[in-house]
Amino acid sequence: MGTVASLAPEWLEPLRAYPSWLVLLCLAVTTAGLLTLLAKPLRWSLYLVLIGLGALILLGFAAWLHQ
């Protein structure tokens, strides 16, 4: 099979050395913390959209880690 070009930046490559569950847990905790900080000034509908986008990014990152 041919090599698939990675869309991830070079600085993310070292994260593959760590267990994927640990990387995903750290990403999820960081994302949740940022969303919590933004929750008060934002309306709930926008907050829910951001949660959905965060979940999509997390799923994409998980797929990238398991390549």
PDB file of N, CA and C in Angstrom:
ATOM      1  N   MET A   1       0.835  -1.188   0.000  1.00  0.00           N
ATOM      2  CA  MET A   1       0.000   0.000   0.000  1.00  0.00           C
ATOM      3  C   MET A   1       0.873   1.241   0.000  1.00  0.00           C
ATOM      4  N   GLY A   2       0.328   2.320  -0.532  1.00  0.00           N
ATOM      5  CA  GLY A   2       1.065   3.572  -0.566  1.00  0.00           C
ATOM      6  C   GLY A   2       1.043   4.265   0.783  1.00  0.00           C
ATOM      7  N   THR A   3       1.948   5.175   0.951  1.00  0.00           N
ATOM      8  CA  THR A   3       2.015   5.939   2.189  1.00  0.00           C
ATOM      9  C   THR A   3       0.988   7.066   2.146  1.00  0.00           C
ATOM     10  N   VAL A   4       0.260   7.214   3.233  1.00  0.00           N
ATOM     11  CA  VAL A   4      -0.731   8.280   3.334  1.00  0.00           C
ATOM     12  C   VAL A   4      -0.074   9.483   3.988  1.00  0.00           C
ATOM     13  N   ALA A   5      -0.190  10.633   3.363  1.00  0.00           N
ATOM     14  CA  ALA A   5       0.390  11.853   3.923  1.00  0.00           C
ATOM     15  C   ALA A   5      -0.401  12.269   5.157  1.00  0.00           C
ATOM     16  N   SER A   6       0.319  12.615   6.210  1.00  0.00           N
ATOM     17  CA  SER A   6      -0.330  13.040   7.448  1.00  0.00           C
ATOM     18  C   SER A   6      -0.643  14.531   7.384  1.00  0.00           C
ATOM     19  N   LEU A   7      -1.841  14.895   7.827  1.00  0.00           N
ATOM     20  CA  LEU A   7      -2.230  16.297   7.867  1.00  0.00           C
ATOM     21  C   LEU A   7      -1.816  16.961   9.175  1.00  0.00           C
ATOM     22  N   ALA A   8      -1.327  16.164  10.122  1.00  0.00           N
ATOM     23  CA  ALA A   8      -0.955  16.696  11.431  1.00  0.00           C
ATOM     24  C   ALA A   8       0.396  17.411  11.343  1.00  0.00           C
ATOM     25  N   PRO A   9       0.555  18.479  12.108  1.00  0.00           N
ATOM     26  CA  PRO A   9       1.848  19.173  12.140  1.00  0.00           C
ATOM     27  C   PRO A   9       2.939  18.277  12.726  1.00  0.00           C
ATOM     28  N   GLU A  10       4.176  18.608  12.400  1.00  0.00           N
ATOM     29  CA  GLU A  10       5.319  17.812  12.860  1.00  0.00           C
ATOM     30  C   GLU A  10       5.416  17.765  14.379  1.00  0.00           C
ATOM     31  N   TRP A  11       5.003  18.818  15.066  1.00  0.00           N
ATOM     32  CA  TRP A  11       5.168  18.853  16.517  1.00  0.00           C
ATOM     33  C   TRP A  11       4.230  17.897  17.232  1.00  0.00           C
ATOM     34  N   LEU A  12       3.250  17.323  16.520  1.00  0.00           N
ATOM     35  CA  LEU A  12       2.363  16.333  17.132  1.00  0.00           C
ATOM     36  C   LEU A  12       2.926  14.916  17.059  1.00  0.00           C
ATOM     37  N   GLU A  13       3.879  14.686  16.164  1.00  0.00           N
ATOM     38  CA  GLU A  13       4.422  13.340  15.965  1.00  0.00           C
ATOM     39  C   GLU A  13       4.978  12.704  17.246  1.00  0.00           C
ATOM     40  N   PRO A  14       5.697  13.426  18.120  1.00  0.00           N
ATOM     41  CA  PRO A  14       6.213  12.792  19.341  1.00  0.00           C
ATOM     42  C   PRO A  14       5.119  12.244  20.257  1.00  0.00           C
ATOM     43  N   LEU A  15       3.875  12.713  20.114  1.00  0.00           N
ATOM     44  CA  LEU A  15       2.791  12.218  20.962  1.00  0.00           C
ATOM     45  C   LEU A  15       2.473  10.755  20.687  1.00  0.00           C
ATOM     46  N   ARG A  16       2.864  10.258  19.518  1.00  0.00           N
ATOM     47  CA  ARG A  16       2.616   8.851  19.194  1.00  0.00           C
ATOM     48  C   ARG A  16       3.435   7.910  20.076  1.00  0.00           C
ATOM     49  N   ALA A  17       4.478   8.419  20.719  1.00  0.00           N
ATOM     50  CA  ALA A  17       5.313   7.593  21.587  1.00  0.00           C
ATOM     51  C   ALA A  17       4.607   7.254  22.897  1.00  0.00           C
ATOM     52  N   TYR A  18       3.612   8.033  23.266  1.00  0.00           N
ATOM     53  CA  TYR A  18       2.872   7.814  24.509  1.00  0.00           C
ATOM     54  C   TYR A  18       1.655   6.940  24.242  1.00  0.00           C
ATOM     55  N   PRO A  19       1.139   6.284  25.292  1.00  0.00           N
ATOM     56  CA  PRO A  19      -0.094   5.495  25.098  1.00  0.00           C
ATOM     57  C   PRO A  19      -1.224   6.407  24.612  1.00  0.00           C
ATOM     58  N   SER A  20      -1.972   5.926  23.638  1.00  0.00           N
ATOM     59  CA  SER A  20      -3.014   6.771  23.042  1.00  0.00           C
ATOM     60  C   SER A  20      -4.074   7.174  24.062  1.00  0.00           C
ATOM     61  N   TRP A  21      -4.380   6.289  25.030  1.00  0.00           N
ATOM     62  CA  TRP A  21      -5.395   6.631  26.029  1.00  0.00           C
ATOM     63  C   TRP A  21      -4.934   7.818  26.874  1.00  0.00           C
ATOM     64  N   LEU A  22      -3.628   7.909  27.151  1.00  0.00           N
ATOM     65  CA  LEU A  22      -3.105   9.009  27.960  1.00  0.00           C
ATOM     66  C   LEU A  22      -3.170  10.330  27.186  1.00  0.00           C
ATOM     67  N   VAL A  23      -2.790  10.285  25.921  1.00  0.00           N
ATOM     68  CA  VAL A  23      -2.829  11.491  25.091  1.00  0.00           C
ATOM     69  C   VAL A  23      -4.264  11.982  24.942  1.00  0.00           C
ATOM     70  N   LEU A  24      -5.192  11.053  24.689  1.00  0.00           N
ATOM     71  CA  LEU A  24      -6.594  11.435  24.524  1.00  0.00           C
ATOM     72  C   LEU A  24      -7.186  11.961  25.825  1.00  0.00           C
ATOM     73  N   LEU A  25      -6.803  11.373  26.952  1.00  0.00           N
ATOM     74  CA  LEU A  25      -7.286  11.852  28.246  1.00  0.00           C
ATOM     75  C   LEU A  25      -6.802  13.277  28.507  1.00  0.00           C
ATOM     76  N   CYS A  26      -5.521  13.536  28.241  1.00  0.00           N
ATOM     77  CA  CYS A  26      -4.979  14.884  28.439  1.00  0.00           C
ATOM     78  C   CYS A  26      -5.662  15.895  27.519  1.00  0.00           C
ATOM     79  N   LEU A  27      -5.898  15.503  26.276  1.00  0.00           N
ATOM     80  CA  LEU A  27      -6.579  16.393  25.342  1.00  0.00           C
ATOM     81  C   LEU A  27      -8.013  16.667  25.788  1.00  0.00           C
ATOM     82  N   ALA A  28      -8.700  15.636  26.262  1.00  0.00           N
ATOM     83  CA  ALA A  28     -10.086  15.806  26.711  1.00  0.00           C
ATOM     84  C   ALA A  28     -10.162  16.708  27.941  1.00  0.00           C
ATOM     85  N   VAL A  29      -9.246  16.530  28.892  1.00  0.00           N
ATOM     86  CA  VAL A  29      -9.247  17.354  30.105  1.00  0.00           C
ATOM     87  C   VAL A  29      -8.938  18.811  29.758  1.00  0.00           C
ATOM     88  N   THR A  30      -7.975  19.025  28.875  1.00  0.00           N
ATOM     89  CA  THR A  30      -7.627  20.382  28.464  1.00  0.00           C
ATOM     90  C   THR A  30      -8.795  21.055  27.749  1.00  0.00           C
ATOM     91  N   THR A  31      -9.435  20.312  26.844  1.00  0.00           N
ATOM     92  CA  THR A  31     -10.581  20.854  26.113  1.00  0.00           C
ATOM     93  C   THR A  31     -11.730  21.176  27.060  1.00  0.00           C
ATOM     94  N   ALA A  32     -11.996  20.286  28.009  1.00  0.00           N
ATOM     95  CA  ALA A  32     -13.073  20.521  28.975  1.00  0.00           C
ATOM     96  C   ALA A  32     -12.775  21.752  29.829  1.00  0.00           C
ATOM     97  N   GLY A  33     -11.532  21.924  30.219  1.00  0.00           N
ATOM     98  CA  GLY A  33     -11.156  23.096  31.005  1.00  0.00           C
ATOM     99  C   GLY A  33     -11.353  24.392  30.240  1.00  0.00           C
ATOM    100  N   LEU A  34     -10.949  24.397  28.979  1.00  0.00           N
ATOM    101  CA  LEU A  34     -11.138  25.597  28.160  1.00  0.00           C
ATOM    102  C   LEU A  34     -12.612  25.899  27.941  1.00  0.00           C
ATOM    103  N   LEU A  35     -13.408  24.860  27.702  1.00  0.00           N
ATOM    104  CA  LEU A  35     -14.841  25.078  27.510  1.00  0.00           C
ATOM    105  C   LEU A  35     -15.510  25.565  28.787  1.00  0.00           C
ATOM    106  N   THR A  36     -15.044  25.090  29.935  1.00  0.00           N
ATOM    107  CA  THR A  36     -15.598  25.540  31.208  1.00  0.00           C
ATOM    108  C   THR A  36     -15.303  27.024  31.430  1.00  0.00           C
ATOM    109  N   LEU A  37     -14.103  27.449  31.055  1.00  0.00           N
ATOM    110  CA  LEU A  37     -13.760  28.867  31.181  1.00  0.00           C
ATOM    111  C   LEU A  37     -14.617  29.737  30.270  1.00  0.00           C
ATOM    112  N   LEU A  38     -14.990  29.197  29.114  1.00  0.00           N
ATOM    113  CA  LEU A  38     -15.791  29.960  28.158  1.00  0.00           C
ATOM    114  C   LEU A  38     -17.292  29.861  28.410  1.00  0.00           C
ATOM    115  N   ALA A  39     -17.710  28.964  29.292  1.00  0.00           N
ATOM    116  CA  ALA A  39     -19.136  28.675  29.467  1.00  0.00           C
ATOM    117  C   ALA A  39     -19.934  29.881  29.961  1.00  0.00           C
ATOM    118  N   LYS A  40     -19.388  30.622  30.901  1.00  0.00           N
ATOM    119  CA  LYS A  40     -20.151  31.740  31.465  1.00  0.00           C
ATOM    120  C   LYS A  40     -20.446  32.832  30.446  1.00  0.00           C
ATOM    121  N   PRO A  41     -19.443  33.320  29.734  1.00  0.00           N
ATOM    122  CA  PRO A  41     -19.756  34.420  28.812  1.00  0.00           C
ATOM    123  C   PRO A  41     -20.519  33.994  27.560  1.00  0.00           C
ATOM    124  N   LEU A  42     -20.529  32.714  27.260  1.00  0.00           N
ATOM    125  CA  LEU A  42     -21.202  32.262  26.039  1.00  0.00           C
ATOM    126  C   LEU A  42     -22.629  31.808  26.315  1.00  0.00           C
ATOM    127  N   ARG A  43     -23.434  31.879  25.314  1.00  0.00           N
ATOM    128  CA  ARG A  43     -24.792  31.338  25.428  1.00  0.00           C
ATOM    129  C   ARG A  43     -24.703  29.825  25.316  1.00  0.00           C
ATOM    130  N   TRP A  44     -25.677  29.122  25.888  1.00  0.00           N
ATOM    131  CA  TRP A  44     -25.630  27.661  25.932  1.00  0.00           C
ATOM    132  C   TRP A  44     -25.641  27.025  24.554  1.00  0.00           C
ATOM    133  N   SER A  45     -26.345  27.591  23.597  1.00  0.00           N
ATOM    134  CA  SER A  45     -26.381  26.984  22.262  1.00  0.00           C
ATOM    135  C   SER A  45     -24.993  27.007  21.624  1.00  0.00           C
ATOM    136  N   LEU A  46     -24.296  28.124  21.771  1.00  0.00           N
ATOM    137  CA  LEU A  46     -22.939  28.205  21.244  1.00  0.00           C
ATOM    138  C   LEU A  46     -22.021  27.259  22.008  1.00  0.00           C
ATOM    139  N   TYR A  47     -22.238  27.144  23.300  1.00  0.00           N
ATOM    140  CA  TYR A  47     -21.458  26.232  24.131  1.00  0.00           C
ATOM    141  C   TYR A  47     -21.632  24.789  23.657  1.00  0.00           C
ATOM    142  N   LEU A  48     -22.862  24.396  23.334  1.00  0.00           N
ATOM    143  CA  LEU A  48     -23.116  23.039  22.847  1.00  0.00           C
ATOM    144  C   LEU A  48     -22.471  22.799  21.486  1.00  0.00           C
ATOM    145  N   VAL A  49     -22.454  23.810  20.641  1.00  0.00           N
ATOM    146  CA  VAL A  49     -21.775  23.684  19.346  1.00  0.00           C
ATOM    147  C   VAL A  49     -20.280  23.476  19.563  1.00  0.00           C
ATOM    148  N   LEU A  50     -19.703  24.223  20.493  1.00  0.00           N
ATOM    149  CA  LEU A  50     -18.279  24.055  20.786  1.00  0.00           C
ATOM    150  C   LEU A  50     -17.978  22.673  21.358  1.00  0.00           C
ATOM    151  N   ILE A  51     -18.879  22.134  22.170  1.00  0.00           N
ATOM    152  CA  ILE A  51     -18.700  20.781  22.692  1.00  0.00           C
ATOM    153  C   ILE A  51     -18.708  19.778  21.536  1.00  0.00           C
ATOM    154  N   GLY A  52     -19.624  19.953  20.601  1.00  0.00           N
ATOM    155  CA  GLY A  52     -19.679  19.068  19.438  1.00  0.00           C
ATOM    156  C   GLY A  52     -18.412  19.140  18.603  1.00  0.00           C
ATOM    157  N   LEU A  53     -17.920  20.361  18.377  1.00  0.00           N
ATOM    158  CA  LEU A  53     -16.672  20.514  17.634  1.00  0.00           C
ATOM    159  C   LEU A  53     -15.501  19.885  18.378  1.00  0.00           C
ATOM    160  N   GLY A  54     -15.474  20.057  19.689  1.00  0.00           N
ATOM    161  CA  GLY A  54     -14.415  19.434  20.489  1.00  0.00           C
ATOM    162  C   GLY A  54     -14.459  17.922  20.396  1.00  0.00           C
ATOM    163  N   ALA A  55     -15.657  17.358  20.408  1.00  0.00           N
ATOM    164  CA  ALA A  55     -15.795  15.903  20.281  1.00  0.00           C
ATOM    165  C   ALA A  55     -15.318  15.428  18.914  1.00  0.00           C
ATOM    166  N   LEU A  56     -15.635  16.178  17.866  1.00  0.00           N
ATOM    167  CA  LEU A  56     -15.166  15.808  16.527  1.00  0.00           C
ATOM    168  C   LEU A  56     -13.648  15.872  16.424  1.00  0.00           C
ATOM    169  N   ILE A  57     -13.066  16.896  17.013  1.00  0.00           N
ATOM    170  CA  ILE A  57     -11.608  17.016  17.008  1.00  0.00           C
ATOM    171  C   ILE A  57     -10.984  15.868  17.787  1.00  0.00           C
ATOM    172  N   LEU A  58     -11.576  15.524  18.923  1.00  0.00           N
ATOM    173  CA  LEU A  58     -11.071  14.412  19.727  1.00  0.00           C
ATOM    174  C   LEU A  58     -11.148  13.101  18.950  1.00  0.00           C
ATOM    175  N   LEU A  59     -12.251  12.864  18.249  1.00  0.00           N
ATOM    176  CA  LEU A  59     -12.384  11.648  17.441  1.00  0.00           C
ATOM    177  C   LEU A  59     -11.378  11.626  16.294  1.00  0.00           C
ATOM    178  N   GLY A  60     -11.173  12.757  15.660  1.00  0.00           N
ATOM    179  CA  GLY A  60     -10.181  12.831  14.591  1.00  0.00           C
ATOM    180  C   GLY A  60      -8.780  12.586  15.103  1.00  0.00           C
ATOM    181  N   PHE A  61      -8.482  13.131  16.266  1.00  0.00           N
ATOM    182  CA  PHE A  61      -7.164  12.927  16.862  1.00  0.00           C
ATOM    183  C   PHE A  61      -6.969  11.467  17.248  1.00  0.00           C
ATOM    184  N   ALA A  62      -8.023  10.829  17.760  1.00  0.00           N
ATOM    185  CA  ALA A  62      -7.946   9.408  18.104  1.00  0.00           C
ATOM    186  C   ALA A  62      -7.686   8.568  16.858  1.00  0.00           C
ATOM    187  N   ALA A  63      -8.353   8.895  15.768  1.00  0.00           N
ATOM    188  CA  ALA A  63      -8.136   8.163  14.517  1.00  0.00           C
ATOM    189  C   ALA A  63      -6.706   8.358  14.030  1.00  0.00           C
ATOM    190  N   TRP A  64      -6.179   9.571  14.169  1.00  0.00           N
ATOM    191  CA  TRP A  64      -4.805   9.835  13.754  1.00  0.00           C
ATOM    192  C   TRP A  64      -3.811   9.044  14.598  1.00  0.00           C
ATOM    193  N   LEU A  65      -4.059   8.967  15.914  1.00  0.00           N
ATOM    194  CA  LEU A  65      -3.151   8.225  16.791  1.00  0.00           C
ATOM    195  C   LEU A  65      -3.116   6.741  16.456  1.00  0.00           C
ATOM    196  N   HIS A  66      -4.216   6.202  15.995  1.00  0.00           N
ATOM    197  CA  HIS A  66      -4.305   4.763  15.741  1.00  0.00           C
ATOM    198  C   HIS A  66      -3.932   4.388  14.318  1.00  0.00           C
ATOM    199  N   GLN A  67      -3.382   5.308  13.541  1.00  0.00           N
ATOM    200  CA  GLN A  67      -2.938   4.982  12.178  1.00  0.00           C
ATOM    201  C   GLN A  67      -1.718   4.115  12.221  1.00  0.00           C
TER     202      GLN A  67
END
